[in-house]
């Protein structure tokens, strides 16, 4: 009997953990993280000239 209760608690904990991971991956992130441009438009900047270094 006690083993079934413990297995049930572990199962519910695992479901909660997986559900929380799925929810976090599907919700929009509010802050910029990683290698993103954070909404900066760089299309107006002309490319730098390439000089011959030989």
N, C-alpha and C. Protein backbone atom coordinates (compact mmCIF):
# COMPACT_ATOMS: atom_id res chain seq x y z
N UNK A 1 0.83 -1.20 0.00
CA UNK A 1 0.00 0.00 0.00
C UNK A 1 0.86 1.26 0.00
N UNK A 2 1.86 1.33 0.88
CA UNK A 2 2.72 2.52 0.97
C UNK A 2 3.55 2.67 -0.30
N UNK A 3 3.91 1.52 -0.92
CA UNK A 3 4.68 1.58 -2.15
C UNK A 3 3.86 2.19 -3.28
N UNK A 4 2.61 1.88 -3.36
CA UNK A 4 1.74 2.44 -4.40
C UNK A 4 1.57 3.94 -4.21
N UNK A 5 1.49 4.39 -2.98
CA UNK A 5 1.37 5.82 -2.71
C UNK A 5 2.65 6.54 -3.13
N UNK A 6 3.81 5.95 -2.78
CA UNK A 6 5.09 6.57 -3.16
C UNK A 6 5.26 6.61 -4.68
N UNK A 7 4.89 5.54 -5.36
CA UNK A 7 4.98 5.52 -6.83
C UNK A 7 4.03 6.56 -7.42
N UNK A 8 2.86 6.70 -6.85
CA UNK A 8 1.91 7.71 -7.33
C UNK A 8 2.44 9.13 -7.14
N UNK A 9 3.06 9.37 -5.99
CA UNK A 9 3.64 10.70 -5.74
C UNK A 9 4.78 10.99 -6.72
N UNK A 10 5.63 10.00 -6.95
CA UNK A 10 6.72 10.18 -7.91
C UNK A 10 6.19 10.40 -9.32
N UNK A 11 5.15 9.68 -9.69
CA UNK A 11 4.55 9.83 -11.01
C UNK A 11 3.96 11.23 -11.19
N UNK A 12 3.24 11.69 -10.18
CA UNK A 12 2.67 13.04 -10.26
C UNK A 12 3.77 14.11 -10.30
N UNK A 13 4.83 13.90 -9.56
CA UNK A 13 5.96 14.83 -9.60
C UNK A 13 6.60 14.87 -10.98
N UNK A 14 6.74 13.70 -11.60
CA UNK A 14 7.31 13.64 -12.95
C UNK A 14 6.39 14.34 -13.95
N UNK A 15 5.09 14.13 -13.83
CA UNK A 15 4.15 14.81 -14.72
C UNK A 15 4.22 16.33 -14.56
N UNK A 16 4.32 16.78 -13.32
CA UNK A 16 4.44 18.21 -13.06
C UNK A 16 5.71 18.77 -13.68
N UNK A 17 6.81 18.06 -13.53
CA UNK A 17 8.11 18.50 -14.06
C UNK A 17 8.07 18.59 -15.58
N UNK A 18 7.55 17.57 -16.25
CA UNK A 18 7.46 17.57 -17.71
C UNK A 18 6.50 18.67 -18.19
N UNK A 19 5.40 18.83 -17.49
CA UNK A 19 4.45 19.88 -17.87
C UNK A 19 5.04 21.27 -17.72
N UNK A 20 5.80 21.47 -16.67
CA UNK A 20 6.43 22.78 -16.47
C UNK A 20 7.47 23.04 -17.54
N UNK A 21 8.25 22.03 -17.93
CA UNK A 21 9.23 22.22 -19.00
C UNK A 21 8.55 22.54 -20.32
N UNK A 22 7.47 21.86 -20.62
CA UNK A 22 6.74 22.13 -21.86
C UNK A 22 6.14 23.53 -21.84
N UNK A 23 5.57 23.93 -20.72
CA UNK A 23 4.97 25.26 -20.61
C UNK A 23 6.03 26.35 -20.79
N UNK A 24 7.19 26.17 -20.16
CA UNK A 24 8.25 27.17 -20.29
C UNK A 24 8.80 27.26 -21.70
N UNK A 25 8.85 26.15 -22.41
CA UNK A 25 9.39 26.18 -23.77
C UNK A 25 8.38 26.79 -24.75
N UNK A 26 7.09 26.75 -24.43
CA UNK A 26 6.08 27.27 -25.35
C UNK A 26 5.71 28.72 -25.07
N UNK A 27 5.98 29.23 -23.89
CA UNK A 27 5.63 30.61 -23.59
C UNK A 27 6.68 31.56 -24.15
N UNK A 28 6.27 32.77 -24.45
CA UNK A 28 7.17 33.77 -25.00
C UNK A 28 8.15 34.24 -23.93
N UNK A 29 9.35 34.43 -24.37
CA UNK A 29 10.36 34.93 -23.44
C UNK A 29 10.32 36.46 -23.44
N UNK A 30 10.42 37.06 -22.28
CA UNK A 30 10.31 38.51 -22.16
C UNK A 30 11.65 39.21 -22.35
N UNK A 31 12.73 38.54 -22.06
CA UNK A 31 14.05 39.16 -22.14
C UNK A 31 14.85 38.51 -23.27
N UNK A 32 15.75 39.28 -23.80
CA UNK A 32 16.62 38.78 -24.85
C UNK A 32 17.71 37.93 -24.20
N UNK A 33 17.93 36.76 -24.74
CA UNK A 33 18.98 35.91 -24.21
C UNK A 33 19.68 35.20 -25.35
N UNK A 34 20.95 34.99 -25.19
CA UNK A 34 21.68 34.26 -26.21
C UNK A 34 22.16 35.16 -27.33
N UNK A 35 22.05 34.68 -28.55
CA UNK A 35 22.61 35.36 -29.71
C UNK A 35 21.52 36.03 -30.54
N UNK A 36 20.64 36.77 -29.92
CA UNK A 36 19.59 37.44 -30.68
C UNK A 36 19.94 38.92 -30.87
N UNK A 37 19.21 39.57 -31.71
CA UNK A 37 19.48 40.98 -32.02
C UNK A 37 18.66 41.95 -31.19
N UNK A 38 17.77 41.46 -30.36
CA UNK A 38 16.96 42.29 -29.46
C UNK A 38 16.17 43.37 -30.18
N UNK A 39 15.71 43.09 -31.39
CA UNK A 39 14.88 44.04 -32.11
C UNK A 39 15.64 45.16 -32.80
N UNK A 40 16.95 45.08 -32.87
CA UNK A 40 17.75 46.11 -33.52
C UNK A 40 17.78 45.84 -35.02
N UNK A 41 17.43 46.85 -35.82
CA UNK A 41 17.43 46.71 -37.27
C UNK A 41 18.78 47.19 -37.80
N UNK A 42 19.57 46.28 -38.32
CA UNK A 42 20.90 46.63 -38.84
C UNK A 42 20.91 46.73 -40.35
N UNK A 43 19.75 46.75 -40.98
CA UNK A 43 19.70 46.77 -42.45
C UNK A 43 20.09 48.13 -43.04
N UNK A 44 20.05 49.20 -42.25
CA UNK A 44 20.38 50.53 -42.77
C UNK A 44 21.88 50.80 -42.75
N UNK A 45 22.65 49.97 -42.12
CA UNK A 45 24.09 50.19 -42.00
C UNK A 45 24.77 49.63 -43.24
N UNK A 46 25.56 50.46 -43.95
CA UNK A 46 26.23 49.96 -45.15
C UNK A 46 27.34 48.98 -44.76
N UNK A 47 27.62 48.01 -45.64
CA UNK A 47 28.68 47.06 -45.32
C UNK A 47 30.04 47.74 -45.36
N UNK A 48 30.96 47.26 -44.55
CA UNK A 48 32.30 47.83 -44.50
C UNK A 48 33.05 47.44 -45.77
N UNK A 49 33.91 48.33 -46.22
CA UNK A 49 34.68 48.04 -47.42
C UNK A 49 35.77 47.03 -47.08
N UNK A 50 36.00 46.12 -48.01
CA UNK A 50 37.01 45.08 -47.81
C UNK A 50 38.28 45.53 -48.50
N UNK A 51 39.34 45.65 -47.72
CA UNK A 51 40.63 46.09 -48.27
C UNK A 51 41.48 44.88 -48.57
N UNK A 52 42.27 44.98 -49.63
CA UNK A 52 43.15 43.89 -50.02
C UNK A 52 44.34 43.88 -49.06
N UNK A 53 44.51 42.78 -48.34
CA UNK A 53 45.59 42.69 -47.35
C UNK A 53 46.79 41.90 -47.86
N UNK A 54 46.90 41.66 -49.12
CA UNK A 54 48.02 40.86 -49.62
C UNK A 54 49.25 41.67 -49.91
